[in-house]
């Protein structure tokens, strides 16, 4: 095809551009990236009410409820971003913290490195 040679593109590209031109009237590329509206935008008040009723709902529980009650299937990351945008976030409290230090069972907890002060300088003890 002469057009493909003229613009140094494949014949298939010319066919795709022509098909797009016939369908839309232009050959501008689709938008890549940028702002996308959240599917939850219209349900902000519902989300707030659910969380007000039961403050310790997990993301998985919210996902289930969204699917069951509103017919919206959404990933945890998208749900987390929406909750964050609404100012609703997961806060740690004493009841949710670990009872014991982490690490393998039977291993003593890590301790801070022992130091000795020598004339204003801190020096580590040899191991």
N, C-alpha and C. Protein backbone atom coordinates (compact mmCIF):
# COMPACT_ATOMS: atom_id res chain seq x y z
N UNK A 1 0.85 -1.18 0.00
CA UNK A 1 0.00 0.00 0.00
C UNK A 1 0.89 1.24 0.00
N UNK A 2 0.52 2.17 -0.78
CA UNK A 2 1.31 3.39 -0.90
C UNK A 2 1.32 4.20 0.39
N UNK A 3 0.18 4.26 1.09
CA UNK A 3 0.08 5.06 2.32
C UNK A 3 1.00 4.48 3.39
N UNK A 4 1.01 3.15 3.51
CA UNK A 4 1.87 2.50 4.51
C UNK A 4 3.34 2.83 4.24
N UNK A 5 3.75 2.78 2.96
CA UNK A 5 5.13 3.11 2.62
C UNK A 5 5.43 4.58 2.87
N UNK A 6 4.49 5.45 2.53
CA UNK A 6 4.67 6.89 2.69
C UNK A 6 4.91 7.27 4.15
N UNK A 7 4.12 6.66 5.07
CA UNK A 7 4.25 6.99 6.49
C UNK A 7 5.12 6.01 7.27
N UNK A 8 5.66 5.01 6.53
CA UNK A 8 6.54 4.00 7.12
C UNK A 8 5.88 3.28 8.29
N UNK A 9 4.68 2.80 8.03
CA UNK A 9 3.95 1.98 9.00
C UNK A 9 3.49 0.71 8.30
N UNK A 10 3.01 -0.24 9.09
CA UNK A 10 2.55 -1.50 8.48
C UNK A 10 1.20 -1.30 7.80
N UNK A 11 0.89 -2.23 6.91
CA UNK A 11 -0.41 -2.18 6.23
C UNK A 11 -1.54 -2.34 7.25
N UNK A 12 -1.30 -3.19 8.24
CA UNK A 12 -2.31 -3.43 9.28
C UNK A 12 -2.61 -2.14 10.05
N UNK A 13 -1.60 -1.33 10.32
CA UNK A 13 -1.82 -0.06 11.02
C UNK A 13 -2.70 0.87 10.19
N UNK A 14 -2.44 0.92 8.89
CA UNK A 14 -3.26 1.76 8.00
C UNK A 14 -4.71 1.27 8.05
N UNK A 15 -4.90 -0.05 8.03
CA UNK A 15 -6.26 -0.61 8.10
C UNK A 15 -6.95 -0.23 9.40
N UNK A 16 -6.21 -0.31 10.53
CA UNK A 16 -6.80 0.04 11.82
C UNK A 16 -7.17 1.53 11.88
N UNK A 17 -6.27 2.38 11.40
CA UNK A 17 -6.56 3.82 11.39
C UNK A 17 -7.78 4.13 10.52
N UNK A 18 -7.86 3.48 9.37
CA UNK A 18 -8.98 3.71 8.46
C UNK A 18 -10.29 3.27 9.10
N UNK A 19 -10.27 2.10 9.75
CA UNK A 19 -11.47 1.58 10.43
C UNK A 19 -11.90 2.55 11.54
N UNK A 20 -10.93 3.05 12.32
CA UNK A 20 -11.26 3.98 13.39
C UNK A 20 -11.82 5.28 12.81
N UNK A 21 -11.24 5.76 11.71
CA UNK A 21 -11.71 6.99 11.08
C UNK A 21 -13.16 6.83 10.60
N UNK A 22 -13.46 5.70 9.98
CA UNK A 22 -14.82 5.47 9.50
C UNK A 22 -15.82 5.39 10.66
N UNK A 23 -15.38 4.83 11.79
CA UNK A 23 -16.28 4.67 12.94
C UNK A 23 -16.45 5.93 13.77
N UNK A 24 -15.39 6.71 13.93
CA UNK A 24 -15.45 7.85 14.85
C UNK A 24 -15.28 9.21 14.17
N UNK A 25 -14.73 9.21 12.97
CA UNK A 25 -14.50 10.47 12.28
C UNK A 25 -13.15 11.09 12.59
N UNK A 26 -12.36 10.43 13.46
CA UNK A 26 -11.01 10.93 13.72
C UNK A 26 -10.09 9.75 14.02
N UNK A 27 -8.81 10.04 14.10
CA UNK A 27 -7.85 8.96 14.39
C UNK A 27 -7.03 9.27 15.64
N UNK A 28 -7.58 10.13 16.51
CA UNK A 28 -6.90 10.46 17.76
C UNK A 28 -6.79 9.22 18.64
N UNK A 29 -5.67 9.06 19.34
CA UNK A 29 -5.54 7.90 20.23
C UNK A 29 -6.45 8.05 21.45
N UNK A 30 -6.79 6.93 22.04
CA UNK A 30 -7.60 6.95 23.25
C UNK A 30 -6.76 7.52 24.38
N UNK A 31 -7.43 8.06 25.40
CA UNK A 31 -6.70 8.60 26.54
C UNK A 31 -6.03 7.46 27.31
N UNK A 32 -4.79 7.70 27.70
CA UNK A 32 -4.06 6.73 28.51
C UNK A 32 -3.84 7.35 29.88
N UNK A 33 -4.24 6.64 30.90
CA UNK A 33 -4.05 7.15 32.25
C UNK A 33 -4.99 8.29 32.54
N UNK A 34 -4.64 9.06 33.55
CA UNK A 34 -5.46 10.21 33.91
C UNK A 34 -6.54 9.84 34.90
N UNK A 35 -7.40 10.77 35.17
CA UNK A 35 -8.44 10.61 36.19
C UNK A 35 -9.55 9.67 35.73
N UNK A 36 -9.91 8.78 36.63
CA UNK A 36 -11.07 7.91 36.40
C UNK A 36 -11.99 8.05 37.59
N UNK A 37 -13.27 8.17 37.34
CA UNK A 37 -14.24 8.26 38.43
C UNK A 37 -14.35 6.93 39.15
N UNK A 38 -14.50 6.99 40.45
CA UNK A 38 -14.68 5.79 41.26
C UNK A 38 -16.12 5.29 41.08
N UNK A 39 -16.26 3.98 41.02
CA UNK A 39 -17.61 3.41 40.94
C UNK A 39 -18.36 3.58 42.26
N UNK A 40 -17.63 3.93 43.31
CA UNK A 40 -18.25 4.10 44.62
C UNK A 40 -18.65 5.55 44.89
N UNK A 41 -18.33 6.44 43.99
CA UNK A 41 -18.56 7.87 44.20
C UNK A 41 -20.00 8.17 44.61
N UNK A 42 -20.95 7.50 44.01
CA UNK A 42 -22.36 7.76 44.31
C UNK A 42 -22.82 7.05 45.58
N UNK A 43 -21.95 6.24 46.18
CA UNK A 43 -22.33 5.45 47.35
C UNK A 43 -21.53 5.84 48.59
N UNK A 44 -20.97 7.04 48.60
CA UNK A 44 -20.16 7.49 49.73
C UNK A 44 -20.95 7.47 51.04
N UNK A 45 -22.18 7.96 51.00
CA UNK A 45 -23.00 8.01 52.22
C UNK A 45 -23.30 6.61 52.74
N UNK A 46 -23.52 5.67 51.82
CA UNK A 46 -23.78 4.29 52.21
C UNK A 46 -22.55 3.70 52.90
N UNK A 47 -21.38 3.92 52.33
CA UNK A 47 -20.14 3.44 52.94
C UNK A 47 -19.96 4.01 54.34
N UNK A 48 -20.17 5.33 54.46
CA UNK A 48 -20.04 5.97 55.77
C UNK A 48 -21.02 5.37 56.78
N UNK A 49 -22.24 5.11 56.35
CA UNK A 49 -23.25 4.54 57.26
C UNK A 49 -22.85 3.14 57.70
N UNK A 50 -22.38 2.31 56.78
CA UNK A 50 -21.96 0.95 57.13
C UNK A 50 -20.84 0.99 58.16
N UNK A 51 -19.89 1.89 57.96
CA UNK A 51 -18.75 1.98 58.87
C UNK A 51 -19.17 2.59 60.21
N UNK A 52 -20.12 3.52 60.18
CA UNK A 52 -20.64 4.09 61.42
C UNK A 52 -21.32 3.01 62.26
N UNK A 53 -22.08 2.11 61.59
CA UNK A 53 -22.79 1.03 62.28
C UNK A 53 -21.81 0.04 62.91
N UNK A 54 -20.78 -0.33 62.13
CA UNK A 54 -19.82 -1.33 62.60
C UNK A 54 -18.42 -0.86 62.23
N UNK A 55 -17.73 -0.28 63.21
CA UNK A 55 -16.45 0.39 62.96
C UNK A 55 -15.31 -0.56 62.61
N UNK A 56 -15.41 -1.84 62.95
CA UNK A 56 -14.29 -2.75 62.71
C UNK A 56 -14.48 -3.63 61.47
N UNK A 57 -15.25 -3.16 60.50
CA UNK A 57 -15.42 -3.90 59.25
C UNK A 57 -14.08 -4.00 58.52
N UNK A 58 -13.79 -5.17 58.00
CA UNK A 58 -12.56 -5.34 57.22
C UNK A 58 -12.84 -4.97 55.77
N UNK A 59 -11.77 -4.79 55.00
CA UNK A 59 -11.95 -4.51 53.57
C UNK A 59 -12.67 -5.67 52.89
N UNK A 60 -12.35 -6.90 53.27
CA UNK A 60 -12.99 -8.07 52.68
C UNK A 60 -14.49 -8.07 52.98
N UNK A 61 -14.86 -7.71 54.20
CA UNK A 61 -16.28 -7.65 54.55
C UNK A 61 -16.99 -6.55 53.78
N UNK A 62 -16.33 -5.41 53.62
CA UNK A 62 -16.92 -4.33 52.83
C UNK A 62 -17.08 -4.75 51.37
N UNK A 63 -16.09 -5.47 50.84
CA UNK A 63 -16.19 -5.96 49.45
C UNK A 63 -17.40 -6.86 49.30
N UNK A 64 -17.57 -7.79 50.23
CA UNK A 64 -18.72 -8.71 50.18
C UNK A 64 -20.03 -7.92 50.19
N UNK A 65 -20.12 -6.97 51.09
CA UNK A 65 -21.34 -6.19 51.22
C UNK A 65 -21.62 -5.35 49.97
N UNK A 66 -20.57 -4.78 49.39
CA UNK A 66 -20.74 -4.02 48.15
C UNK A 66 -21.29 -4.90 47.04
N UNK A 67 -20.73 -6.11 46.92
CA UNK A 67 -21.19 -7.04 45.88
C UNK A 67 -22.63 -7.48 46.13
N UNK A 68 -22.92 -7.82 47.38
CA UNK A 68 -24.25 -8.34 47.72
C UNK A 68 -25.32 -7.26 47.67
N UNK A 69 -25.09 -6.11 48.31
CA UNK A 69 -26.13 -5.10 48.44
C UNK A 69 -26.20 -4.11 47.28
N UNK A 70 -25.06 -3.81 46.66
CA UNK A 70 -25.05 -2.80 45.60
C UNK A 70 -24.69 -3.35 44.23
N UNK A 71 -24.25 -4.62 44.18
CA UNK A 71 -23.88 -5.22 42.90
C UNK A 71 -22.58 -4.66 42.33
N UNK A 72 -21.70 -4.16 43.21
CA UNK A 72 -20.43 -3.58 42.76
C UNK A 72 -19.29 -4.50 43.19
N UNK A 73 -18.55 -5.00 42.21
CA UNK A 73 -17.37 -5.80 42.50
C UNK A 73 -16.16 -4.89 42.35
N UNK A 74 -15.35 -4.86 43.41
CA UNK A 74 -14.25 -3.91 43.46
C UNK A 74 -13.07 -4.54 44.16
N UNK A 75 -11.86 -4.25 43.71
CA UNK A 75 -10.65 -4.75 44.34
C UNK A 75 -10.38 -4.04 45.66
N UNK A 76 -9.57 -4.67 46.51
CA UNK A 76 -9.28 -4.08 47.82
C UNK A 76 -8.53 -2.76 47.69
N UNK A 77 -7.65 -2.65 46.70
CA UNK A 77 -6.89 -1.41 46.55
C UNK A 77 -7.81 -0.26 46.18
N UNK A 78 -8.73 -0.48 45.26
CA UNK A 78 -9.68 0.57 44.86
C UNK A 78 -10.56 0.97 46.04
N UNK A 79 -10.99 -0.02 46.82
CA UNK A 79 -11.82 0.26 47.99
C UNK A 79 -11.03 1.06 49.02
N UNK A 80 -9.79 0.64 49.25
CA UNK A 80 -8.93 1.35 50.20
C UNK A 80 -8.74 2.80 49.79
N UNK A 81 -8.48 3.04 48.49
CA UNK A 81 -8.29 4.41 48.02
C UNK A 81 -9.55 5.25 48.24
N UNK A 82 -10.71 4.66 48.00
CA UNK A 82 -11.95 5.42 48.19
C UNK A 82 -12.16 5.76 49.66
N UNK A 83 -11.91 4.80 50.55
CA UNK A 83 -12.07 5.04 51.98
C UNK A 83 -11.09 6.12 52.45
N UNK A 84 -9.87 6.06 51.92
CA UNK A 84 -8.86 7.05 52.28
C UNK A 84 -9.29 8.44 51.82
N UNK A 85 -9.86 8.51 50.62
CA UNK A 85 -10.32 9.79 50.07
C UNK A 85 -11.46 10.37 50.91
N UNK A 86 -12.26 9.48 51.52
CA UNK A 86 -13.37 9.92 52.37
C UNK A 86 -12.91 10.24 53.79
N UNK A 87 -11.63 10.01 54.06
CA UNK A 87 -11.12 10.26 55.40
C UNK A 87 -11.40 9.12 56.36
N UNK A 88 -11.76 7.96 55.83
CA UNK A 88 -12.04 6.78 56.65
C UNK A 88 -10.87 5.84 56.50
N UNK A 89 -10.13 5.63 57.58
CA UNK A 89 -8.98 4.75 57.46
C UNK A 89 -8.91 3.81 58.64
N UNK A 90 -8.13 2.77 58.48
CA UNK A 90 -7.94 1.75 59.50
C UNK A 90 -6.93 2.27 60.50
N UNK A 91 -7.33 2.39 61.76
CA UNK A 91 -6.43 2.87 62.81
C UNK A 91 -6.14 1.73 63.77
N UNK A 92 -4.87 1.61 64.11
CA UNK A 92 -4.49 0.59 65.08
C UNK A 92 -4.89 1.06 66.48
N UNK A 93 -5.27 0.11 67.31
CA UNK A 93 -5.50 0.43 68.71
C UNK A 93 -4.96 -0.71 69.56
N UNK A 94 -5.00 -0.56 70.86
CA UNK A 94 -4.39 -1.54 71.76
C UNK A 94 -4.97 -2.94 71.56
N UNK A 95 -6.26 -3.03 71.25
CA UNK A 95 -6.90 -4.34 71.09
C UNK A 95 -6.40 -5.08 69.86
N UNK A 96 -5.92 -4.36 68.85
CA UNK A 96 -5.48 -5.00 67.61
C UNK A 96 -3.99 -5.29 67.58
N UNK A 97 -3.23 -4.77 68.54
CA UNK A 97 -1.79 -4.96 68.54
C UNK A 97 -1.41 -6.36 68.99
N UNK A 98 -0.20 -6.77 68.64
CA UNK A 98 0.29 -8.08 69.04
C UNK A 98 0.43 -8.18 70.55
N UNK A 99 0.18 -9.37 71.07
CA UNK A 99 0.35 -9.60 72.50
C UNK A 99 1.82 -9.86 72.81
N UNK A 100 2.56 -10.41 71.85
CA UNK A 100 3.97 -10.75 72.04
C UNK A 100 4.79 -10.13 70.92
N UNK A 101 6.08 -9.99 71.14
CA UNK A 101 6.92 -9.49 70.04
C UNK A 101 6.95 -10.48 68.89
N UNK A 102 7.15 -9.97 67.67
CA UNK A 102 7.18 -10.84 66.50
C UNK A 102 8.44 -11.68 66.43
N UNK A 103 8.48 -12.52 65.44
CA UNK A 103 9.65 -13.38 65.24
C UNK A 103 9.27 -14.84 65.44
N UNK A 104 10.21 -15.74 65.16
CA UNK A 104 9.92 -17.16 65.29
C UNK A 104 9.65 -17.54 66.74
N UNK A 105 8.76 -18.53 66.98
CA UNK A 105 8.46 -18.94 68.34
C UNK A 105 9.70 -19.53 69.01
N UNK A 106 9.84 -19.27 70.31
CA UNK A 106 10.96 -19.81 71.06
C UNK A 106 12.21 -18.95 70.99
N UNK A 107 12.22 -17.95 70.14
CA UNK A 107 13.39 -17.08 70.00
C UNK A 107 13.19 -15.87 70.91
N UNK A 108 14.23 -15.50 71.67
CA UNK A 108 14.06 -14.35 72.56
C UNK A 108 13.88 -13.07 71.75
N UNK A 109 13.18 -12.09 72.31
CA UNK A 109 12.98 -10.84 71.57
C UNK A 109 14.30 -10.12 71.34
N UNK A 110 14.37 -9.38 70.24
CA UNK A 110 15.58 -8.63 69.92
C UNK A 110 15.75 -7.50 70.93
N UNK A 111 16.98 -7.25 71.28
CA UNK A 111 17.26 -6.16 72.21
C UNK A 111 18.09 -5.11 71.50
N UNK A 112 17.99 -3.89 71.98
CA UNK A 112 18.78 -2.81 71.39
C UNK A 112 20.25 -3.09 71.63
N UNK A 113 21.10 -2.66 70.71
CA UNK A 113 22.54 -2.89 70.83
C UNK A 113 23.06 -2.20 72.09
N UNK A 114 23.84 -2.92 72.86
CA UNK A 114 24.42 -2.35 74.08
C UNK A 114 25.49 -1.35 73.70
N UNK A 115 25.48 -0.19 74.35
CA UNK A 115 26.48 0.83 74.06
C UNK A 115 27.10 1.32 75.36
N UNK A 116 28.27 1.88 75.25
CA UNK A 116 28.99 2.41 76.40
C UNK A 116 29.43 3.82 76.04
N UNK A 117 29.23 4.75 76.94
CA UNK A 117 29.57 6.14 76.67
C UNK A 117 31.01 6.39 77.11
N UNK A 118 31.88 6.74 76.17
CA UNK A 118 33.28 7.03 76.46
C UNK A 118 33.59 8.45 76.05
N UNK A 119 33.62 9.34 77.01
CA UNK A 119 33.96 10.74 76.72
C UNK A 119 33.08 11.37 75.67
N UNK A 120 31.79 11.17 75.76
CA UNK A 120 30.86 11.77 74.80
C UNK A 120 30.65 10.95 73.55
N UNK A 121 31.45 9.88 73.35
CA UNK A 121 31.28 9.02 72.17
C UNK A 121 30.59 7.74 72.59
N UNK A 122 29.70 7.28 71.77
CA UNK A 122 29.04 6.00 72.04
C UNK A 122 29.78 4.91 71.27
N UNK A 123 30.13 3.87 71.96
CA UNK A 123 30.87 2.77 71.36
C UNK A 123 30.13 1.46 71.61
N UNK A 124 30.04 0.63 70.61
CA UNK A 124 29.38 -0.66 70.77
C UNK A 124 30.33 -1.62 71.48
N UNK A 125 29.74 -2.45 72.33
CA UNK A 125 30.52 -3.50 72.95
C UNK A 125 30.82 -4.55 71.90
N UNK A 126 31.96 -5.21 71.97
CA UNK A 126 32.25 -6.28 71.00
C UNK A 126 31.31 -7.45 71.23
N UNK A 127 31.05 -8.20 70.19
CA UNK A 127 30.13 -9.34 70.29
C UNK A 127 30.83 -10.57 70.76
